[in-house]
Amino acid sequence: MAKRPGITPKQIQVIHMMVFEGMNITDIVKKLGMSNRTVYNWFENKTFLHEYNKQLDKYQSSLSSMALKKIAELSQSEREAIALKAAQDIMDRNGRAPVKKQEISTPDIDIKIEPSSKD
């Protein structure tokens, strides 16, 4: 594991086990022969917490990239229902979801707008 200033190799190992392997603190300390208190104390250390958050962001970013790639693949599906659902998800994520219903009210006028169905 790469050495980082202000953080020990054991701390890097714990971060990796939590973020990339999905292990909880109880399982980690059992596996490494440490106490829970030690790991909880590390979370009070700004350097450790910064590194933890940095690795968590990196992991979540990689998952997001994989998810978007999968959605893009699904939008090209030969099964129309799957392609439509993927396309809707892409539109929703980009803030371009179709409006299902709008209600506009003023003291004198009530207006309800619903999209017409094209069946």
PDB file of N, CA and C in Angstrom:
ATOM      1  N   MET A   1       0.833  -1.185   0.000  1.00  0.00           N
ATOM      2  CA  MET A   1       0.000   0.000   0.000  1.00  0.00           C
ATOM      3  C   MET A   1       0.876   1.246   0.000  1.00  0.00           C
ATOM      4  N   ALA A   2       0.448   2.258  -0.729  1.00  0.00           N
ATOM      5  CA  ALA A   2       1.224   3.480  -0.845  1.00  0.00           C
ATOM      6  C   ALA A   2       1.271   4.229   0.483  1.00  0.00           C
ATOM      7  N   LYS A   3       2.439   4.813   0.765  1.00  0.00           N
ATOM      8  CA  LYS A   3       2.608   5.581   2.000  1.00  0.00           C
ATOM      9  C   LYS A   3       2.088   6.998   1.778  1.00  0.00           C
ATOM     10  N   ARG A   4       1.357   7.511   2.749  1.00  0.00           N
ATOM     11  CA  ARG A   4       0.831   8.868   2.676  1.00  0.00           C
ATOM     12  C   ARG A   4       1.296   9.623   3.923  1.00  0.00           C
ATOM     13  N   PRO A   5       1.698  10.878   3.765  1.00  0.00           N
ATOM     14  CA  PRO A   5       2.172  11.656   4.921  1.00  0.00           C
ATOM     15  C   PRO A   5       1.088  11.800   5.989  1.00  0.00           C
ATOM     16  N   GLY A   6       1.467  11.583   7.243  1.00  0.00           N
ATOM     17  CA  GLY A   6       0.546  11.781   8.363  1.00  0.00           C
ATOM     18  C   GLY A   6      -0.419  10.640   8.604  1.00  0.00           C
ATOM     19  N   ILE A   7      -0.267   9.559   7.876  1.00  0.00           N
ATOM     20  CA  ILE A   7      -1.168   8.418   8.047  1.00  0.00           C
ATOM     21  C   ILE A   7      -0.341   7.133   7.970  1.00  0.00           C
ATOM     22  N   THR A   8      -0.641   6.203   8.849  1.00  0.00           N
ATOM     23  CA  THR A   8       0.156   4.972   8.936  1.00  0.00           C
ATOM     24  C   THR A   8      -0.334   3.926   7.936  1.00  0.00           C
ATOM     25  N   PRO A   9       0.526   2.972   7.608  1.00  0.00           N
ATOM     26  CA  PRO A   9       0.082   1.877   6.725  1.00  0.00           C
ATOM     27  C   PRO A   9      -1.122   1.114   7.306  1.00  0.00           C
ATOM     28  N   LYS A  10      -1.177   0.961   8.631  1.00  0.00           N
ATOM     29  CA  LYS A  10      -2.314   0.272   9.264  1.00  0.00           C
ATOM     30  C   LYS A  10      -3.606   1.069   9.048  1.00  0.00           C
ATOM     31  N   GLN A  11      -3.521   2.400   9.152  1.00  0.00           N
ATOM     32  CA  GLN A  11      -4.699   3.235   8.917  1.00  0.00           C
ATOM     33  C   GLN A  11      -5.161   3.126   7.462  1.00  0.00           C
ATOM     34  N   ILE A  12      -4.213   3.114   6.546  1.00  0.00           N
ATOM     35  CA  ILE A  12      -4.548   2.951   5.124  1.00  0.00           C
ATOM     36  C   ILE A  12      -5.232   1.605   4.906  1.00  0.00           C
ATOM     37  N   GLN A  13      -4.718   0.571   5.571  1.00  0.00           N
ATOM     38  CA  GLN A  13      -5.300  -0.764   5.446  1.00  0.00           C
ATOM     39  C   GLN A  13      -6.744  -0.772   5.960  1.00  0.00           C
ATOM     40  N   VAL A  14      -6.982  -0.132   7.089  1.00  0.00           N
ATOM     41  CA  VAL A  14      -8.336  -0.075   7.661  1.00  0.00           C
ATOM     42  C   VAL A  14      -9.275   0.681   6.726  1.00  0.00           C
ATOM     43  N   ILE A  15      -8.813   1.799   6.200  1.00  0.00           N
ATOM     44  CA  ILE A  15      -9.631   2.570   5.256  1.00  0.00           C
ATOM     45  C   ILE A  15      -9.995   1.711   4.051  1.00  0.00           C
ATOM     46  N   HIS A  16      -9.019   1.015   3.515  1.00  0.00           N
ATOM     47  CA  HIS A  16      -9.259   0.156   2.352  1.00  0.00           C
ATOM     48  C   HIS A  16     -10.291  -0.930   2.675  1.00  0.00           C
ATOM     49  N   MET A  17     -10.151  -1.538   3.837  1.00  0.00           N
ATOM     50  CA  MET A  17     -11.079  -2.605   4.228  1.00  0.00           C
ATOM     51  C   MET A  17     -12.499  -2.069   4.379  1.00  0.00           C
ATOM     52  N   MET A  18     -12.634  -0.852   4.906  1.00  0.00           N
ATOM     53  CA  MET A  18     -13.959  -0.262   5.094  1.00  0.00           C
ATOM     54  C   MET A  18     -14.573   0.159   3.760  1.00  0.00           C
ATOM     55  N   VAL A  19     -13.805   0.888   2.978  1.00  0.00           N
ATOM     56  CA  VAL A  19     -14.338   1.489   1.754  1.00  0.00           C
ATOM     57  C   VAL A  19     -14.479   0.482   0.622  1.00  0.00           C
ATOM     58  N   PHE A  20     -13.406  -0.245   0.337  1.00  0.00           N
ATOM     59  CA  PHE A  20     -13.388  -1.084  -0.861  1.00  0.00           C
ATOM     60  C   PHE A  20     -13.856  -2.521  -0.612  1.00  0.00           C
ATOM     61  N   GLU A  21     -13.762  -2.970   0.638  1.00  0.00           N
ATOM     62  CA  GLU A  21     -14.200  -4.333   0.945  1.00  0.00           C
ATOM     63  C   GLU A  21     -15.519  -4.359   1.704  1.00  0.00           C
ATOM     64  N   GLY A  22     -16.009  -3.188   2.102  1.00  0.00           N
ATOM     65  CA  GLY A  22     -17.299  -3.086   2.771  1.00  0.00           C
ATOM     66  C   GLY A  22     -17.336  -3.679   4.168  1.00  0.00           C
ATOM     67  N   MET A  23     -16.176  -3.789   4.807  1.00  0.00           N
ATOM     68  CA  MET A  23     -16.137  -4.380   6.145  1.00  0.00           C
ATOM     69  C   MET A  23     -16.503  -3.345   7.203  1.00  0.00           C
ATOM     70  N   ASN A  24     -17.097  -3.818   8.300  1.00  0.00           N
ATOM     71  CA  ASN A  24     -17.402  -2.908   9.397  1.00  0.00           C
ATOM     72  C   ASN A  24     -16.247  -2.919  10.406  1.00  0.00           C
ATOM     73  N   ILE A  25     -16.260  -1.956  11.297  1.00  0.00           N
ATOM     74  CA  ILE A  25     -15.162  -1.799  12.254  1.00  0.00           C
ATOM     75  C   ILE A  25     -14.992  -3.030  13.126  1.00  0.00           C
ATOM     76  N   THR A  26     -16.066  -3.621  13.589  1.00  0.00           N
ATOM     77  CA  THR A  26     -15.985  -4.801  14.451  1.00  0.00           C
ATOM     78  C   THR A  26     -15.232  -5.937  13.764  1.00  0.00           C
ATOM     79  N   ASP A  27     -15.573  -6.203  12.503  1.00  0.00           N
ATOM     80  CA  ASP A  27     -14.899  -7.277  11.759  1.00  0.00           C
ATOM     81  C   ASP A  27     -13.436  -6.940  11.471  1.00  0.00           C
ATOM     82  N   ILE A  28     -13.177  -5.675  11.179  1.00  0.00           N
ATOM     83  CA  ILE A  28     -11.807  -5.257  10.887  1.00  0.00           C
ATOM     84  C   ILE A  28     -10.905  -5.433  12.101  1.00  0.00           C
ATOM     85  N   VAL A  29     -11.370  -4.963  13.262  1.00  0.00           N
ATOM     86  CA  VAL A  29     -10.510  -5.049  14.451  1.00  0.00           C
ATOM     87  C   VAL A  29     -10.271  -6.502  14.871  1.00  0.00           C
ATOM     88  N   LYS A  30     -11.268  -7.359  14.657  1.00  0.00           N
ATOM     89  CA  LYS A  30     -11.067  -8.782  14.944  1.00  0.00           C
ATOM     90  C   LYS A  30     -10.004  -9.360  14.030  1.00  0.00           C
ATOM     91  N   LYS A  31     -10.101  -9.033  12.742  1.00  0.00           N
ATOM     92  CA  LYS A  31      -9.165  -9.565  11.752  1.00  0.00           C
ATOM     93  C   LYS A  31      -7.742  -9.043  11.987  1.00  0.00           C
ATOM     94  N   LEU A  32      -7.617  -7.785  12.400  1.00  0.00           N
ATOM     95  CA  LEU A  32      -6.294  -7.174  12.559  1.00  0.00           C
ATOM     96  C   LEU A  32      -5.770  -7.211  13.996  1.00  0.00           C
ATOM     97  N   GLY A  33      -6.605  -7.708  14.946  1.00  0.00           N
ATOM     98  CA  GLY A  33      -6.167  -7.782  16.336  1.00  0.00           C
ATOM     99  C   GLY A  33      -6.009  -6.413  16.985  1.00  0.00           C
ATOM    100  N   MET A  34      -6.959  -5.534  16.722  1.00  0.00           N
ATOM    101  CA  MET A  34      -6.928  -4.174  17.266  1.00  0.00           C
ATOM    102  C   MET A  34      -8.152  -3.968  18.156  1.00  0.00           C
ATOM    103  N   SER A  35      -8.217  -2.795  18.783  1.00  0.00           N
ATOM    104  CA  SER A  35      -9.410  -2.471  19.565  1.00  0.00           C
ATOM    105  C   SER A  35     -10.306  -1.517  18.766  1.00  0.00           C
ATOM    106  N   ASN A  36     -11.601  -1.609  19.020  1.00  0.00           N
ATOM    107  CA  ASN A  36     -12.564  -0.701  18.377  1.00  0.00           C
ATOM    108  C   ASN A  36     -12.196   0.748  18.662  1.00  0.00           C
ATOM    109  N   ARG A  37     -11.826   1.003  19.904  1.00  0.00           N
ATOM    110  CA  ARG A  37     -11.530   2.370  20.346  1.00  0.00           C
ATOM    111  C   ARG A  37     -10.441   3.003  19.481  1.00  0.00           C
ATOM    112  N   THR A  38      -9.451   2.219  19.098  1.00  0.00           N
ATOM    113  CA  THR A  38      -8.368   2.747  18.264  1.00  0.00           C
ATOM    114  C   THR A  38      -8.914   3.294  16.953  1.00  0.00           C
ATOM    115  N   VAL A  39      -9.742   2.519  16.287  1.00  0.00           N
ATOM    116  CA  VAL A  39     -10.293   2.955  15.001  1.00  0.00           C
ATOM    117  C   VAL A  39     -11.213   4.160  15.190  1.00  0.00           C
ATOM    118  N   TYR A  40     -12.052   4.137  16.225  1.00  0.00           N
ATOM    119  CA  TYR A  40     -12.926   5.281  16.477  1.00  0.00           C
ATOM    120  C   TYR A  40     -12.108   6.526  16.773  1.00  0.00           C
ATOM    121  N   ASN A  41     -10.992   6.382  17.475  1.00  0.00           N
ATOM    122  CA  ASN A  41     -10.112   7.525  17.736  1.00  0.00           C
ATOM    123  C   ASN A  41      -9.526   8.071  16.435  1.00  0.00           C
ATOM    124  N   TRP A  42      -9.197   7.184  15.500  1.00  0.00           N
ATOM    125  CA  TRP A  42      -8.665   7.632  14.213  1.00  0.00           C
ATOM    126  C   TRP A  42      -9.648   8.543  13.489  1.00  0.00           C
ATOM    127  N   PHE A  43     -10.932   8.268  13.637  1.00  0.00           N
ATOM    128  CA  PHE A  43     -11.934   9.100  12.969  1.00  0.00           C
ATOM    129  C   PHE A  43     -12.001  10.510  13.554  1.00  0.00           C
ATOM    130  N   GLU A  44     -11.379  10.714  14.701  1.00  0.00           N
ATOM    131  CA  GLU A  44     -11.294  12.056  15.283  1.00  0.00           C
ATOM    132  C   GLU A  44     -10.049  12.791  14.784  1.00  0.00           C
ATOM    133  N   ASN A  45      -9.202  12.094  14.041  1.00  0.00           N
ATOM    134  CA  ASN A  45      -7.982  12.656  13.478  1.00  0.00           C
ATOM    135  C   ASN A  45      -8.293  13.214  12.091  1.00  0.00           C
ATOM    136  N   LYS A  46      -8.016  14.512  11.873  1.00  0.00           N
ATOM    137  CA  LYS A  46      -8.370  15.159  10.604  1.00  0.00           C
ATOM    138  C   LYS A  46      -7.696  14.512   9.399  1.00  0.00           C
ATOM    139  N   THR A  47      -6.442  14.095   9.553  1.00  0.00           N
ATOM    140  CA  THR A  47      -5.722  13.489   8.436  1.00  0.00           C
ATOM    141  C   THR A  47      -6.353  12.154   8.048  1.00  0.00           C
ATOM    142  N   PHE A  48      -6.674  11.334   9.058  1.00  0.00           N
ATOM    143  CA  PHE A  48      -7.317  10.052   8.796  1.00  0.00           C
ATOM    144  C   PHE A  48      -8.686  10.269   8.143  1.00  0.00           C
ATOM    145  N   LEU A  49      -9.463  11.165   8.720  1.00  0.00           N
ATOM    146  CA  LEU A  49     -10.808  11.435   8.208  1.00  0.00           C
ATOM    147  C   LEU A  49     -10.750  11.967   6.771  1.00  0.00           C
ATOM    148  N   HIS A  50      -9.797  12.831   6.484  1.00  0.00           N
ATOM    149  CA  HIS A  50      -9.634  13.357   5.130  1.00  0.00           C
ATOM    150  C   HIS A  50      -9.329  12.219   4.149  1.00  0.00           C
ATOM    151  N   GLU A  51      -8.411  11.339   4.540  1.00  0.00           N
ATOM    152  CA  GLU A  51      -8.042  10.217   3.665  1.00  0.00           C
ATOM    153  C   GLU A  51      -9.223   9.262   3.475  1.00  0.00           C
ATOM    154  N   TYR A  52      -9.962   8.987   4.548  1.00  0.00           N
ATOM    155  CA  TYR A  52     -11.149   8.132   4.464  1.00  0.00           C
ATOM    156  C   TYR A  52     -12.158   8.722   3.468  1.00  0.00           C
ATOM    157  N   ASN A  53     -12.458  10.011   3.631  1.00  0.00           N
ATOM    158  CA  ASN A  53     -13.431  10.664   2.750  1.00  0.00           C
ATOM    159  C   ASN A  53     -12.941  10.708   1.305  1.00  0.00           C
ATOM    160  N   LYS A  54     -11.640  10.930   1.121  1.00  0.00           N
ATOM    161  CA  LYS A  54     -11.065  10.947  -0.224  1.00  0.00           C
ATOM    162  C   LYS A  54     -11.221   9.587  -0.904  1.00  0.00           C
ATOM    163  N   GLN A  55     -10.930   8.512  -0.174  1.00  0.00           N
ATOM    164  CA  GLN A  55     -11.061   7.170  -0.740  1.00  0.00           C
ATOM    165  C   GLN A  55     -12.526   6.808  -0.977  1.00  0.00           C
ATOM    166  N   LEU A  56     -13.400   7.230  -0.075  1.00  0.00           N
ATOM    167  CA  LEU A  56     -14.830   6.977  -0.236  1.00  0.00           C
ATOM    168  C   LEU A  56     -15.364   7.695  -1.479  1.00  0.00           C
ATOM    169  N   ASP A  57     -14.965   8.945  -1.669  1.00  0.00           N
ATOM    170  CA  ASP A  57     -15.376   9.698  -2.860  1.00  0.00           C
ATOM    171  C   ASP A  57     -14.877   9.022  -4.134  1.00  0.00           C
ATOM    172  N   LYS A  58     -13.623   8.568  -4.093  1.00  0.00           N
ATOM    173  CA  LYS A  58     -13.029   7.893  -5.248  1.00  0.00           C
ATOM    174  C   LYS A  58     -13.821   6.622  -5.592  1.00  0.00           C
ATOM    175  N   TYR A  59     -14.173   5.851  -4.570  1.00  0.00           N
ATOM    176  CA  TYR A  59     -14.923   4.607  -4.769  1.00  0.00           C
ATOM    177  C   TYR A  59     -16.323   4.897  -5.308  1.00  0.00           C
ATOM    178  N   GLN A  60     -16.997   5.870  -4.699  1.00  0.00           N
ATOM    179  CA  GLN A  60     -18.346   6.212  -5.143  1.00  0.00           C
ATOM    180  C   GLN A  60     -18.346   6.756  -6.561  1.00  0.00           C
ATOM    181  N   SER A  61     -17.325   7.498  -6.909  1.00  0.00           N
ATOM    182  CA  SER A  61     -17.199   8.024  -8.268  1.00  0.00           C
ATOM    183  C   SER A  61     -17.039   6.886  -9.275  1.00  0.00           C
ATOM    184  N   SER A  62     -16.236   5.889  -8.924  1.00  0.00           N
ATOM    185  CA  SER A  62     -16.048   4.763  -9.841  1.00  0.00           C
ATOM    186  C   SER A  62     -17.348   3.974 -10.002  1.00  0.00           C
ATOM    187  N   LEU A  63     -18.101   3.835  -8.912  1.00  0.00           N
ATOM    188  CA  LEU A  63     -19.398   3.149  -9.005  1.00  0.00           C
ATOM    189  C   LEU A  63     -20.377   3.939  -9.864  1.00  0.00           C
ATOM    190  N   SER A  64     -20.372   5.255  -9.716  1.00  0.00           N
ATOM    191  CA  SER A  64     -21.260   6.098 -10.517  1.00  0.00           C
ATOM    192  C   SER A  64     -20.931   5.969 -12.000  1.00  0.00           C
ATOM    193  N   SER A  65     -19.644   5.959 -12.304  1.00  0.00           N
ATOM    194  CA  SER A  65     -19.227   5.813 -13.704  1.00  0.00           C
ATOM    195  C   SER A  65     -19.699   4.484 -14.277  1.00  0.00           C
ATOM    196  N   MET A  66     -19.551   3.421 -13.495  1.00  0.00           N
ATOM    197  CA  MET A  66     -19.998   2.101 -13.963  1.00  0.00           C
ATOM    198  C   MET A  66     -21.506   2.073 -14.141  1.00  0.00           C
ATOM    199  N   ALA A  67     -22.242   2.701 -13.223  1.00  0.00           N
ATOM    200  CA  ALA A  67     -23.703   2.713 -13.304  1.00  0.00           C
ATOM    201  C   ALA A  67     -24.164   3.486 -14.542  1.00  0.00           C
ATOM    202  N   LEU A  68     -23.547   4.630 -14.803  1.00  0.00           N
ATOM    203  CA  LEU A  68     -23.929   5.412 -15.979  1.00  0.00           C
ATOM    204  C   LEU A  68     -23.609   4.672 -17.273  1.00  0.00           C
ATOM    205  N   LYS A  69     -22.494   3.985 -17.279  1.00  0.00           N
ATOM    206  CA  LYS A  69     -22.128   3.196 -18.457  1.00  0.00           C
ATOM    207  C   LYS A  69     -23.170   2.101 -18.693  1.00  0.00           C
ATOM    208  N   LYS A  70     -23.617   1.457 -17.617  1.00  0.00           N
ATOM    209  CA  LYS A  70     -24.618   0.395 -17.726  1.00  0.00           C
ATOM    210  C   LYS A  70     -25.954   0.955 -18.222  1.00  0.00           C
ATOM    211  N   ILE A  71     -26.354   2.114 -17.693  1.00  0.00           N
ATOM    212  CA  ILE A  71     -27.606   2.736 -18.124  1.00  0.00           C
ATOM    213  C   ILE A  71     -27.537   3.084 -19.611  1.00  0.00           C
ATOM    214  N   ALA A  72     -26.386   3.588 -20.049  1.00  0.00           N
ATOM    215  CA  ALA A  72     -26.212   3.908 -21.470  1.00  0.00           C
ATOM    216  C   ALA A  72     -26.333   2.645 -22.323  1.00  0.00           C
ATOM    217  N   GLU A  73     -25.747   1.542 -21.860  1.00  0.00           N
ATOM    218  CA  GLU A  73     -25.867   0.270 -22.579  1.00  0.00           C
ATOM    219  C   GLU A  73     -27.323  -0.177 -22.642  1.00  0.00           C
ATOM    220  N   LEU A  74     -28.025  -0.067 -21.513  1.00  0.00           N
ATOM    221  CA  LEU A  74     -29.427  -0.491 -21.471  1.00  0.00           C
ATOM    222  C   LEU A  74     -30.312   0.356 -22.375  1.00  0.00           C
ATOM    223  N   SER A  75     -29.937   1.625 -22.581  1.00  0.00           N
ATOM    224  CA  SER A  75     -30.744   2.484 -23.456  1.00  0.00           C
ATOM    225  C   SER A  75     -30.696   2.017 -24.913  1.00  0.00           C
ATOM    226  N   GLN A  76     -29.750   1.134 -25.221  1.00  0.00           N
ATOM    227  CA  GLN A  76     -29.629   0.585 -26.573  1.00  0.00           C
ATOM    228  C   GLN A  76     -30.211  -0.834 -26.666  1.00  0.00           C
ATOM    229  N   SER A  77     -30.904  -1.264 -25.624  1.00  0.00           N
ATOM    230  CA  SER A  77     -31.471  -2.613 -25.583  1.00  0.00           C
ATOM    231  C   SER A  77     -32.476  -2.829 -26.710  1.00  0.00           C
ATOM    232  N   GLU A  78     -32.525  -4.043 -27.196  1.00  0.00           N
ATOM    233  CA  GLU A  78     -33.519  -4.401 -28.208  1.00  0.00           C
ATOM    234  C   GLU A  78     -34.911  -4.499 -27.594  1.00  0.00           C
ATOM    235  N   ARG A  79     -34.969  -4.710 -26.288  1.00  0.00           N
ATOM    236  CA  ARG A  79     -36.264  -4.750 -25.601  1.00  0.00           C
ATOM    237  C   ARG A  79     -36.706  -3.321 -25.328  1.00  0.00           C
ATOM    238  N   GLU A  80     -37.757  -2.918 -25.965  1.00  0.00           N
ATOM    239  CA  GLU A  80     -38.195  -1.528 -25.920  1.00  0.00           C
ATOM    240  C   GLU A  80     -38.466  -1.022 -24.502  1.00  0.00           C
ATOM    241  N   ALA A  81     -39.068  -1.848 -23.663  1.00  0.00           N
ATOM    242  CA  ALA A  81     -39.382  -1.418 -22.295  1.00  0.00           C
ATOM    243  C   ALA A  81     -38.104  -1.095 -21.510  1.00  0.00           C
ATOM    244  N   ILE A  82     -37.072  -1.890 -21.708  1.00  0.00           N
ATOM    245  CA  ILE A  82     -35.799  -1.654 -21.024  1.00  0.00           C
ATOM    246  C   ILE A  82     -35.142  -0.383 -21.557  1.00  0.00           C
ATOM    247  N   ALA A  83     -35.122  -0.220 -22.869  1.00  0.00           N
ATOM    248  CA  ALA A  83     -34.525   0.966 -23.475  1.00  0.00           C
ATOM    249  C   ALA A  83     -35.254   2.233 -23.019  1.00  0.00           C
ATOM    250  N   LEU A  84     -36.590   2.164 -22.959  1.00  0.00           N
ATOM    251  CA  LEU A  84     -37.383   3.308 -22.526  1.00  0.00           C
ATOM    252  C   LEU A  84     -37.083   3.663 -21.069  1.00  0.00           C
ATOM    253  N   LYS A  85     -37.044   2.666 -20.215  1.00  0.00           N
ATOM    254  CA  LYS A  85     -36.768   2.906 -18.790  1.00  0.00           C
ATOM    255  C   LYS A  85     -35.381   3.530 -18.612  1.00  0.00           C
ATOM    256  N   ALA A  86     -34.393   3.036 -19.353  1.00  0.00           N
ATOM    257  CA  ALA A  86     -33.041   3.597 -19.278  1.00  0.00           C
ATOM    258  C   ALA A  86     -33.031   5.040 -19.775  1.00  0.00           C
ATOM    259  N   ALA A  87     -33.736   5.299 -20.866  1.00  0.00           N
ATOM    260  CA  ALA A  87     -33.803   6.656 -21.404  1.00  0.00           C
ATOM    261  C   ALA A  87     -34.476   7.604 -20.411  1.00  0.00           C
ATOM    262  N   GLN A  88     -35.544   7.133 -19.767  1.00  0.00           N
ATOM    263  CA  GLN A  88     -36.216   7.946 -18.753  1.00  0.00           C
ATOM    264  C   GLN A  88     -35.281   8.258 -17.591  1.00  0.00           C
ATOM    265  N   ASP A  89     -34.500   7.266 -17.181  1.00  0.00           N
ATOM    266  CA  ASP A  89     -33.560   7.472 -16.086  1.00  0.00           C
ATOM    267  C   ASP A  89     -32.515   8.520 -16.462  1.00  0.00           C
ATOM    268  N   ILE A  90     -32.020   8.449 -17.700  1.00  0.00           N
ATOM    269  CA  ILE A  90     -31.043   9.435 -18.167  1.00  0.00           C
ATOM    270  C   ILE A  90     -31.648  10.836 -18.141  1.00  0.00           C
ATOM    271  N   MET A  91     -32.871  10.956 -18.626  1.00  0.00           N
ATOM    272  CA  MET A  91     -33.541  12.258 -18.625  1.00  0.00           C
ATOM    273  C   MET A  91     -33.762  12.766 -17.198  1.00  0.00           C
ATOM    274  N   ASP A  92     -34.184  11.890 -16.297  1.00  0.00           N
ATOM    275  CA  ASP A  92     -34.399  12.280 -14.905  1.00  0.00           C
ATOM    276  C   ASP A  92     -33.103  12.798 -14.281  1.00  0.00           C
ATOM    277  N   ARG A  93     -32.008  12.104 -14.530  1.00  0.00           N
ATOM    278  CA  ARG A  93     -30.724  12.485 -13.953  1.00  0.00           C
ATOM    279  C   ARG A  93     -30.227  13.828 -14.483  1.00  0.00           C
ATOM    280  N   ASN A  94     -30.676  14.196 -15.666  1.00  0.00           N
ATOM    281  CA  ASN A  94     -30.254  15.458 -16.256  1.00  0.00           C
ATOM    282  C   ASN A  94     -31.276  16.575 -16.044  1.00  0.00           C
ATOM    283  N   GLY A  95     -32.259  16.318 -15.185  1.00  0.00           N
ATOM    284  CA  GLY A  95     -33.256  17.339 -14.886  1.00  0.00           C
ATOM    285  C   GLY A  95     -34.211  17.619 -16.026  1.00  0.00           C
ATOM    286  N   ARG A  96     -34.380  16.639 -16.902  1.00  0.00           N
ATOM    287  CA  ARG A  96     -35.246  16.833 -18.062  1.00  0.00           C
ATOM    288  C   ARG A  96     -36.429  15.869 -18.064  1.00  0.00           C
ATOM    289  N   ALA A  97     -36.858  15.490 -16.895  1.00  0.00           N
ATOM    290  CA  ALA A  97     -37.991  14.572 -16.798  1.00  0.00           C
ATOM    291  C   ALA A  97     -39.259  15.290 -17.261  1.00  0.00           C
ATOM    292  N   PRO A  98     -40.122  14.590 -17.975  1.00  0.00           N
ATOM    293  CA  PRO A  98     -41.368  15.232 -18.414  1.00  0.00           C
ATOM    294  C   PRO A  98     -42.252  15.555 -17.213  1.00  0.00           C
ATOM    295  N   VAL A  99     -42.940  16.647 -17.342  1.00  0.00           N
ATOM    296  CA  VAL A  99     -43.852  17.062 -16.277  1.00  0.00           C
ATOM    297  C   VAL A  99     -45.137  16.271 -16.432  1.00  0.00           C
ATOM    298  N   LYS A 100     -45.565  15.633 -15.362  1.00  0.00           N
ATOM    299  CA  LYS A 100     -46.782  14.823 -15.436  1.00  0.00           C
ATOM    300  C   LYS A 100     -48.030  15.673 -15.271  1.00  0.00           C
ATOM    301  N   LYS A 101     -47.930  16.683 -14.402  1.00  0.00           N
ATOM    302  CA  LYS A 101     -49.111  17.472 -14.121  1.00  0.00           C
ATOM    303  C   LYS A 101     -48.676  18.794 -13.512  1.00  0.00           C
ATOM    304  N   GLN A 102     -49.316  19.889 -13.904  1.00  0.00           N
ATOM    305  CA  GLN A 102     -49.038  21.182 -13.313  1.00  0.00           C
ATOM    306  C   GLN A 102     -50.345  21.794 -12.857  1.00  0.00           C
ATOM    307  N   GLU A 103     -50.290  22.405 -11.709  1.00  0.00           N
ATOM    308  CA  GLU A 103     -51.462  23.132 -11.222  1.00  0.00           C
ATOM    309  C   GLU A 103     -51.042  24.559 -10.947  1.00  0.00           C
ATOM    310  N   ILE A 104     -51.777  25.486 -11.503  1.00  0.00           N
ATOM    311  CA  ILE A 104     -51.501  26.907 -11.318  1.00  0.00           C
ATOM    312  C   ILE A 104     -52.745  27.516 -10.693  1.00  0.00           C
ATOM    313  N   SER A 105     -52.561  28.197  -9.585  1.00  0.00           N
ATOM    314  CA  SER A 105     -53.705  28.809  -8.913  1.00  0.00           C
ATOM    315  C   SER A 105     -53.450  30.287  -8.663  1.00  0.00           C
ATOM    316  N   THR A 106     -54.455  31.076  -8.932  1.00  0.00           N
ATOM    317  CA  THR A 106     -54.464  32.484  -8.576  1.00  0.00           C
ATOM    318  C   THR A 106     -55.770  32.702  -7.829  1.00  0.00           C
ATOM    319  N   PRO A 107     -55.950  33.827  -7.212  1.00  0.00           N
ATOM    320  CA  PRO A 107     -57.212  34.029  -6.478  1.00  0.00           C
ATOM    321  C   PRO A 107     -58.468  33.877  -7.348  1.00  0.00           C
ATOM    322  N   ASP A 108     -58.369  34.216  -8.640  1.00  0.00           N
ATOM    323  CA  ASP A 108     -59.545  34.182  -9.509  1.00  0.00           C
ATOM    324  C   ASP A 108     -59.615  32.974 -10.441  1.00  0.00           C
ATOM    325  N   ILE A 109     -58.467  32.326 -10.703  1.00  0.00           N
ATOM    326  CA  ILE A 109     -58.432  31.294 -11.742  1.00  0.00           C
ATOM    327  C   ILE A 109     -57.675  30.068 -11.239  1.00  0.00           C
ATOM    328  N   ASP A 110     -58.207  28.885 -11.523  1.00  0.00           N
ATOM    329  CA  ASP A 110     -57.505  27.626 -11.273  1.00  0.00           C
ATOM    330  C   ASP A 110     -57.280  26.954 -12.621  1.00  0.00           C
ATOM    331  N   ILE A 111     -56.040  26.571 -12.895  1.00  0.00           N
ATOM    332  CA  ILE A 111     -55.711  25.911 -14.154  1.00  0.00           C
ATOM    333  C   ILE A 111     -55.011  24.602 -13.846  1.00  0.00           C
ATOM    334  N   LYS A 112     -55.444  23.527 -14.480  1.00  0.00           N
ATOM    335  CA  LYS A 112     -54.781  22.229 -14.359  1.00  0.00           C
ATOM    336  C   LYS A 112     -54.348  21.802 -15.750  1.00  0.00           C
ATOM    337  N   ILE A 113     -53.074  21.483 -15.876  1.00  0.00           N
ATOM    338  CA  ILE A 113     -52.533  21.051 -17.164  1.00  0.00           C
ATOM    339  C   ILE A 113     -52.024  19.630 -17.022  1.00  0.00           C
ATOM    340  N   GLU A 114     -52.551  18.740 -17.835  1.00  0.00           N
ATOM    341  CA  GLU A 114     -52.087  17.364 -17.845  1.00  0.00           C
ATOM    342  C   GLU A 114     -51.691  17.016 -19.268  1.00  0.00           C
ATOM    343  N   PRO A 115     -50.599  16.287 -19.424  1.00  0.00           N
ATOM    344  CA  PRO A 115     -50.181  15.934 -20.789  1.00  0.00           C
ATOM    345  C   PRO A 115     -51.216  15.037 -21.447  1.00  0.00           C
ATOM    346  N   SER A 116     -51.344  15.213 -22.758  1.00  0.00           N
ATOM    347  CA  SER A 116     -52.273  14.367 -23.482  1.00  0.00           C
ATOM    348  C   SER A 116     -51.592  13.040 -23.749  1.00  0.00           C
ATOM    349  N   SER A 117     -52.368  11.978 -23.724  1.00  0.00           N
ATOM    350  CA  SER A 117     -51.799  10.656 -24.009  1.00  0.00           C
ATOM    351  C   SER A 117     -51.879  10.407 -25.488  1.00  0.00           C
ATOM    352  N   LYS A 118     -50.807   9.852 -26.034  1.00  0.00           N
ATOM    353  CA  LYS A 118     -50.752   9.575 -27.475  1.00  0.00           C
ATOM    354  C   LYS A 118     -50.854   8.076 -27.661  1.00  0.00           C
ATOM    355  N   ASP A 119     -52.046   7.559 -27.577  1.00  0.00           N
ATOM    356  CA  ASP A 119     -52.269   6.104 -27.723  1.00  0.00           C
ATOM    357  C   ASP A 119     -52.733   5.781 -29.103  1.00  0.00           C
TER     358      ASP A 119
END
